[in-house]
Amino acid sequence: MTAILYSYRRCPYAMRARMALKYAGIKVQIREISLRDKPESMLRISPKGTVPVLQADDLVLEQSLDIMHWALKQSDPDGWLTIDRQLAQVWIAKNDGPFKKLLDQYKYPNRYPELIPAEVLGNAIEVMLQPMEGALESHPYLMGAKLSWVDIAIFPFIRQFSMVNPQQFEGLPFAQLKRWLSGRLESKLFQSVMEKFPTWVE
């Protein structure tokens, strides 16, 4: 049975799951959902109603990181998992926690009228962008000399951040971060998982 991945093309969580599955060579049927009309088949196996959701036989995975690690345990040809686990968790906790909150505040300022956009940007720089620049000044990828699952897990969120105000992002003094982001954007892996699928209709 081919695995099924309920996905939404622009969702950063779904994006990192798709990249891990593609890298691992796992064939999946992509079911592109409508956020306003979620398929019953997805809600039956995952009532929380968010993507990505992976169904492989009796296995159901509802979290993007779980999907990534499941895929890499099947196949990890370039050793994405062979990194410092403790440091990896520090990066992921920073990205999925405070930075994701700041990303939402930066992207949707109308939802947070009590916040000052310049302060939100400053906090995002302090929490994530500056530390990333520092790490990338020392080595080409976040975890060292080679690409790892941490780069893939964080990349979609930095991509989304950079697209909110491209001119402002380009003006930030983070040359290595921009180099790293460009490398991921131009990669065959990323481009291969951004194919547009029609919305899944049951």
C-alpha atoms as a PDB file:
ATOM      1  CA  MET A   1       0.000   0.000   0.000  1.00  0.00           C
ATOM      2  CA  THR A   2       1.326   3.428  -0.967  1.00  0.00           C
ATOM      3  CA  ALA A   3       1.527   5.808   1.966  1.00  0.00           C
ATOM      4  CA  ILE A   4      -0.818   8.791   1.949  1.00  0.00           C
ATOM      5  CA  LEU A   5       0.276  12.272   2.959  1.00  0.00           C
ATOM      6  CA  TYR A   6      -2.380  14.870   3.643  1.00  0.00           C
ATOM      7  CA  SER A   7      -0.644  18.111   2.860  1.00  0.00           C
ATOM      8  CA  TYR A   8      -1.018  21.808   2.103  1.00  0.00           C
ATOM      9  CA  ARG A   9       1.526  23.070  -0.385  1.00  0.00           C
ATOM     10  CA  ARG A  10       2.544  26.284   1.366  1.00  0.00           C
ATOM     11  CA  CYS A  11       2.446  24.999   4.943  1.00  0.00           C
ATOM     12  CA  PRO A  12       6.017  24.942   6.332  1.00  0.00           C
ATOM     13  CA  TYR A  13       5.283  21.895   8.474  1.00  0.00           C
ATOM     14  CA  ALA A  14       3.976  19.962   5.471  1.00  0.00           C
ATOM     15  CA  MET A  15       6.882  21.228   3.386  1.00  0.00           C
ATOM     16  CA  ARG A  16       9.525  19.749   5.670  1.00  0.00           C
ATOM     17  CA  ALA A  17       7.666  16.451   5.837  1.00  0.00           C
ATOM     18  CA  ARG A  18       7.474  16.259   2.031  1.00  0.00           C
ATOM     19  CA  MET A  19      11.190  16.984   1.693  1.00  0.00           C
ATOM     20  CA  ALA A  20      12.148  14.231   4.145  1.00  0.00           C
ATOM     21  CA  LEU A  21       9.888  11.706   2.428  1.00  0.00           C
ATOM     22  CA  LYS A  22      11.254  12.649  -0.996  1.00  0.00           C
ATOM     23  CA  TYR A  23      14.867  12.475   0.195  1.00  0.00           C
ATOM     24  CA  ALA A  24      14.243   9.043   1.721  1.00  0.00           C
ATOM     25  CA  GLY A  25      12.733   7.786  -1.529  1.00  0.00           C
ATOM     26  CA  ILE A  26       9.396   6.933   0.033  1.00  0.00           C
ATOM     27  CA  LYS A  27       6.553   6.960  -2.429  1.00  0.00           C
ATOM     28  CA  VAL A  28       3.515   8.767  -1.126  1.00  0.00           C
ATOM     29  CA  GLN A  29       0.196   9.824  -2.543  1.00  0.00           C
ATOM     30  CA  ILE A  30      -0.070  13.554  -1.917  1.00  0.00           C
ATOM     31  CA  ARG A  31      -3.565  14.637  -0.980  1.00  0.00           C
ATOM     32  CA  GLU A  32      -3.655  18.426  -1.147  1.00  0.00           C
ATOM     33  CA  ILE A  33      -6.341  19.595   1.239  1.00  0.00           C
ATOM     34  CA  SER A  34      -8.507  22.682   1.385  1.00  0.00           C
ATOM     35  CA  LEU A  35      -8.133  24.338   4.787  1.00  0.00           C
ATOM     36  CA  ARG A  36     -11.773  25.395   4.628  1.00  0.00           C
ATOM     37  CA  ASP A  37     -13.115  21.979   3.663  1.00  0.00           C
ATOM     38  CA  LYS A  38     -10.909  19.308   5.176  1.00  0.00           C
ATOM     39  CA  PRO A  39     -11.498  15.755   3.917  1.00  0.00           C
ATOM     40  CA  GLU A  40     -13.391  13.394   6.186  1.00  0.00           C
ATOM     41  CA  SER A  41     -10.838  10.648   5.537  1.00  0.00           C
ATOM     42  CA  MET A  42      -8.175  12.856   7.148  1.00  0.00           C
ATOM     43  CA  LEU A  43     -10.345  13.933  10.062  1.00  0.00           C
ATOM     44  CA  ARG A  44     -11.226  10.306  10.830  1.00  0.00           C
ATOM     45  CA  ILE A  45      -7.575   9.394  11.404  1.00  0.00           C
ATOM     46  CA  SER A  46      -6.499  12.787  12.745  1.00  0.00           C
ATOM     47  CA  PRO A  47      -9.305  14.773  14.399  1.00  0.00           C
ATOM     48  CA  LYS A  48      -6.984  17.703  15.166  1.00  0.00           C
ATOM     49  CA  GLY A  49      -7.395  18.679  11.523  1.00  0.00           C
ATOM     50  CA  THR A  50      -3.932  20.054  10.772  1.00  0.00           C
ATOM     51  CA  VAL A  51      -1.389  18.963   8.186  1.00  0.00           C
ATOM     52  CA  PRO A  52       0.766  17.092   7.566  1.00  0.00           C
ATOM     53  CA  VAL A  53      -0.743  13.718   8.359  1.00  0.00           C
ATOM     54  CA  LEU A  54       0.905  10.529   7.114  1.00  0.00           C
ATOM     55  CA  GLN A  55      -0.976   7.246   6.828  1.00  0.00           C
ATOM     56  CA  ALA A  56       1.028   4.135   6.008  1.00  0.00           C
ATOM     57  CA  ASP A  57      -0.956   0.938   6.507  1.00  0.00           C
ATOM     58  CA  ASP A  58      -1.913   0.997  10.208  1.00  0.00           C
ATOM     59  CA  LEU A  59       0.541   3.765  11.045  1.00  0.00           C
ATOM     60  CA  VAL A  60      -0.726   7.325  11.420  1.00  0.00           C
ATOM     61  CA  LEU A  61       1.717  10.163  12.126  1.00  0.00           C
ATOM     62  CA  GLU A  62       0.270  13.590  12.884  1.00  0.00           C
ATOM     63  CA  GLN A  63       3.395  15.658  13.557  1.00  0.00           C
ATOM     64  CA  SER A  64       5.830  16.840  10.899  1.00  0.00           C
ATOM     65  CA  LEU A  65       8.947  15.959  12.905  1.00  0.00           C
ATOM     66  CA  ASP A  66       7.615  12.447  13.537  1.00  0.00           C
ATOM     67  CA  ILE A  67       7.085  12.054   9.795  1.00  0.00           C
ATOM     68  CA  MET A  68      10.593  13.298   9.086  1.00  0.00           C
ATOM     69  CA  HIS A  69      12.214  10.896  11.538  1.00  0.00           C
ATOM     70  CA  TRP A  70      10.096   7.976  10.374  1.00  0.00           C
ATOM     71  CA  ALA A  71      11.158   8.639   6.788  1.00  0.00           C
ATOM     72  CA  LEU A  72      14.844   8.949   7.678  1.00  0.00           C
ATOM     73  CA  LYS A  73      14.763   5.717   9.656  1.00  0.00           C
ATOM     74  CA  GLN A  74      13.615   4.002   6.448  1.00  0.00           C
ATOM     75  CA  SER A  75      16.427   5.534   4.395  1.00  0.00           C
ATOM     76  CA  ASP A  76      19.070   8.149   5.137  1.00  0.00           C
ATOM     77  CA  PRO A  77      21.588   7.955   2.280  1.00  0.00           C
ATOM     78  CA  ASP A  78      23.513  11.113   3.209  1.00  0.00           C
ATOM     79  CA  GLY A  79      23.467  10.682   6.971  1.00  0.00           C
ATOM     80  CA  TRP A  80      21.057  13.477   7.869  1.00  0.00           C
ATOM     81  CA  LEU A  81      20.506  11.868  11.274  1.00  0.00           C
ATOM     82  CA  THR A  82      24.171  11.527  12.229  1.00  0.00           C
ATOM     83  CA  ILE A  83      24.446  14.811  14.100  1.00  0.00           C
ATOM     84  CA  ASP A  84      24.575  16.084  17.668  1.00  0.00           C
ATOM     85  CA  ARG A  85      21.059  15.298  18.896  1.00  0.00           C
ATOM     86  CA  GLN A  86      21.170  17.719  21.798  1.00  0.00           C
ATOM     87  CA  LEU A  87      22.190  20.660  19.631  1.00  0.00           C
ATOM     88  CA  ALA A  88      19.598  19.643  17.047  1.00  0.00           C
ATOM     89  CA  GLN A  89      16.856  19.821  19.667  1.00  0.00           C
ATOM     90  CA  VAL A  90      18.021  23.282  20.742  1.00  0.00           C
ATOM     91  CA  TRP A  91      17.600  24.564  17.174  1.00  0.00           C
ATOM     92  CA  ILE A  92      14.230  22.872  16.677  1.00  0.00           C
ATOM     93  CA  ALA A  93      12.867  24.098  20.013  1.00  0.00           C
ATOM     94  CA  LYS A  94      13.926  27.645  19.120  1.00  0.00           C
ATOM     95  CA  ASN A  95      12.357  27.445  15.649  1.00  0.00           C
ATOM     96  CA  ASP A  96       9.121  25.666  16.494  1.00  0.00           C
ATOM     97  CA  GLY A  97       8.603  27.639  19.699  1.00  0.00           C
ATOM     98  CA  PRO A  98       9.462  31.331  20.004  1.00  0.00           C
ATOM     99  CA  PHE A  99      10.446  31.914  16.381  1.00  0.00           C
ATOM    100  CA  LYS A 100       7.216  30.447  14.984  1.00  0.00           C
ATOM    101  CA  LYS A 101       5.248  32.725  17.299  1.00  0.00           C
ATOM    102  CA  LEU A 102       7.256  35.737  16.124  1.00  0.00           C
ATOM    103  CA  LEU A 103       6.849  34.657  12.497  1.00  0.00           C
ATOM    104  CA  ASP A 104       3.069  34.714  12.893  1.00  0.00           C
ATOM    105  CA  GLN A 105       3.229  38.146  14.538  1.00  0.00           C
ATOM    106  CA  TYR A 106       5.483  39.430  11.745  1.00  0.00           C
ATOM    107  CA  LYS A 107       3.349  37.952   8.968  1.00  0.00           C
ATOM    108  CA  TYR A 108      -0.034  38.968  10.360  1.00  0.00           C
ATOM    109  CA  PRO A 109       0.442  42.354  12.088  1.00  0.00           C
ATOM    110  CA  ASN A 110      -3.296  43.087  11.858  1.00  0.00           C
ATOM    111  CA  ARG A 111      -3.932  40.209  14.238  1.00  0.00           C
ATOM    112  CA  TYR A 112      -1.596  41.736  16.792  1.00  0.00           C
ATOM    113  CA  PRO A 113      -2.424  45.470  16.848  1.00  0.00           C
ATOM    114  CA  GLU A 114      -0.917  45.808  20.318  1.00  0.00           C
ATOM    115  CA  LEU A 115       2.543  44.892  18.995  1.00  0.00           C
ATOM    116  CA  ILE A 116       5.069  47.170  17.304  1.00  0.00           C
ATOM    117  CA  PRO A 117       6.237  45.561  14.027  1.00  0.00           C
ATOM    118  CA  ALA A 118       9.806  46.857  14.395  1.00  0.00           C
ATOM    119  CA  GLU A 119      10.031  45.225  17.811  1.00  0.00           C
ATOM    120  CA  VAL A 120       8.686  41.950  16.432  1.00  0.00           C
ATOM    121  CA  LEU A 121      11.380  42.019  13.747  1.00  0.00           C
ATOM    122  CA  GLY A 122      14.026  42.820  16.339  1.00  0.00           C
ATOM    123  CA  ASN A 123      12.922  39.929  18.512  1.00  0.00           C
ATOM    124  CA  ALA A 124      12.964  37.538  15.534  1.00  0.00           C
ATOM    125  CA  ILE A 125      16.497  38.647  14.710  1.00  0.00           C
ATOM    126  CA  GLU A 126      17.613  38.130  18.297  1.00  0.00           C
ATOM    127  CA  VAL A 127      15.898  34.774  18.753  1.00  0.00           C
ATOM    128  CA  MET A 128      16.675  33.115  15.419  1.00  0.00           C
ATOM    129  CA  LEU A 129      18.236  35.061  12.573  1.00  0.00           C
ATOM    130  CA  GLN A 130      21.329  36.307  14.395  1.00  0.00           C
ATOM    131  CA  PRO A 131      22.113  32.906  15.979  1.00  0.00           C
ATOM    132  CA  MET A 132      21.715  31.272  12.581  1.00  0.00           C
ATOM    133  CA  GLU A 133      24.047  33.798  10.981  1.00  0.00           C
ATOM    134  CA  GLY A 134      26.615  33.095  13.679  1.00  0.00           C
ATOM    135  CA  ALA A 135      26.433  29.355  13.143  1.00  0.00           C
ATOM    136  CA  LEU A 136      26.584  29.706   9.368  1.00  0.00           C
ATOM    137  CA  GLU A 137      29.657  31.919   9.575  1.00  0.00           C
ATOM    138  CA  SER A 138      31.471  28.929  11.094  1.00  0.00           C
ATOM    139  CA  HIS A 139      30.227  26.218   8.728  1.00  0.00           C
ATOM    140  CA  PRO A 140      28.004  25.923   5.660  1.00  0.00           C
ATOM    141  CA  TYR A 141      25.061  24.285   7.428  1.00  0.00           C
ATOM    142  CA  LEU A 142      23.462  24.701  10.821  1.00  0.00           C
ATOM    143  CA  MET A 143      24.925  21.518  12.253  1.00  0.00           C
ATOM    144  CA  GLY A 144      28.318  21.622  10.583  1.00  0.00           C
ATOM    145  CA  ALA A 145      29.927  20.765   7.287  1.00  0.00           C
ATOM    146  CA  LYS A 146      27.026  18.813   5.803  1.00  0.00           C
ATOM    147  CA  LEU A 147      23.314  19.203   5.313  1.00  0.00           C
ATOM    148  CA  SER A 148      21.141  17.605   7.999  1.00  0.00           C
ATOM    149  CA  TRP A 149      17.495  17.172   8.872  1.00  0.00           C
ATOM    150  CA  VAL A 150      17.739  20.300  11.049  1.00  0.00           C
ATOM    151  CA  ASP A 151      18.405  22.496   7.996  1.00  0.00           C
ATOM    152  CA  ILE A 152      15.429  20.935   6.238  1.00  0.00           C
ATOM    153  CA  ALA A 153      13.152  21.305   9.256  1.00  0.00           C
ATOM    154  CA  ILE A 154      13.945  25.000   9.762  1.00  0.00           C
ATOM    155  CA  PHE A 155      14.293  26.139   6.147  1.00  0.00           C
ATOM    156  CA  PRO A 156      10.543  26.433   5.337  1.00  0.00           C
ATOM    157  CA  PHE A 157      10.028  28.834   8.236  1.00  0.00           C
ATOM    158  CA  ILE A 158      12.943  31.058   7.231  1.00  0.00           C
ATOM    159  CA  ARG A 159      11.618  30.985   3.670  1.00  0.00           C
ATOM    160  CA  GLN A 160       8.224  32.124   4.896  1.00  0.00           C
ATOM    161  CA  PHE A 161       9.793  34.856   7.019  1.00  0.00           C
ATOM    162  CA  SER A 162      11.835  36.143   4.072  1.00  0.00           C
ATOM    163  CA  MET A 163       8.707  36.368   1.896  1.00  0.00           C
ATOM    164  CA  VAL A 164       6.709  38.588   4.246  1.00  0.00           C
ATOM    165  CA  ASN A 165       8.734  41.656   3.276  1.00  0.00           C
ATOM    166  CA  PRO A 166      11.430  40.627   0.782  1.00  0.00           C
ATOM    167  CA  GLN A 167      12.942  44.109   0.559  1.00  0.00           C
ATOM    168  CA  GLN A 168      13.279  44.332   4.332  1.00  0.00           C
ATOM    169  CA  PHE A 169      14.760  40.850   4.548  1.00  0.00           C
ATOM    170  CA  GLU A 170      17.260  41.638   1.809  1.00  0.00           C
ATOM    171  CA  GLY A 171      18.360  44.678   3.772  1.00  0.00           C
ATOM    172  CA  LEU A 172      19.257  42.642   6.855  1.00  0.00           C
ATOM    173  CA  PRO A 173      23.011  42.159   7.416  1.00  0.00           C
ATOM    174  CA  PHE A 174      22.951  38.365   7.288  1.00  0.00           C
ATOM    175  CA  ALA A 175      24.965  37.300   4.249  1.00  0.00           C
ATOM    176  CA  GLN A 176      25.484  33.701   5.366  1.00  0.00           C
ATOM    177  CA  LEU A 177      21.837  33.184   6.236  1.00  0.00           C
ATOM    178  CA  LYS A 178      20.839  34.460   2.794  1.00  0.00           C
ATOM    179  CA  ARG A 179      23.405  32.151   1.176  1.00  0.00           C
ATOM    180  CA  TRP A 180      22.012  29.196   3.117  1.00  0.00           C
ATOM    181  CA  LEU A 181      18.434  30.115   2.238  1.00  0.00           C
ATOM    182  CA  SER A 182      19.260  30.506  -1.460  1.00  0.00           C
ATOM    183  CA  GLY A 183      20.921  27.108  -1.471  1.00  0.00           C
ATOM    184  CA  ARG A 184      17.789  25.456  -0.128  1.00  0.00           C
ATOM    185  CA  LEU A 185      15.473  27.390  -2.443  1.00  0.00           C
ATOM    186  CA  GLU A 186      17.545  26.401  -5.473  1.00  0.00           C
ATOM    187  CA  SER A 187      17.900  22.767  -4.471  1.00  0.00           C
ATOM    188  CA  LYS A 188      16.337  20.053  -6.597  1.00  0.00           C
ATOM    189  CA  LEU A 189      14.860  18.542  -3.456  1.00  0.00           C
ATOM    190  CA  PHE A 190      12.860  21.643  -2.580  1.00  0.00           C
ATOM    191  CA  GLN A 191      11.745  22.231  -6.143  1.00  0.00           C
ATOM    192  CA  SER A 192      10.653  18.612  -6.465  1.00  0.00           C
ATOM    193  CA  VAL A 193       8.218  18.861  -3.543  1.00  0.00           C
ATOM    194  CA  MET A 194       6.572  22.117  -4.642  1.00  0.00           C
ATOM    195  CA  GLU A 195       4.591  20.614  -7.500  1.00  0.00           C
ATOM    196  CA  LYS A 196       1.020  21.853  -7.508  1.00  0.00           C
ATOM    197  CA  PHE A 197      -1.658  19.232  -6.983  1.00  0.00           C
ATOM    198  CA  PRO A 198      -5.402  19.730  -7.395  1.00  0.00           C
ATOM    199  CA  THR A 199      -7.324  19.821  -4.146  1.00  0.00           C
ATOM    200  CA  TRP A 200      -8.186  16.301  -3.027  1.00  0.00           C
ATOM    201  CA  VAL A 201     -11.905  15.591  -3.414  1.00  0.00           C
ATOM    202  CA  GLU A 202     -13.406  12.453  -1.940  1.00  0.00           C
END
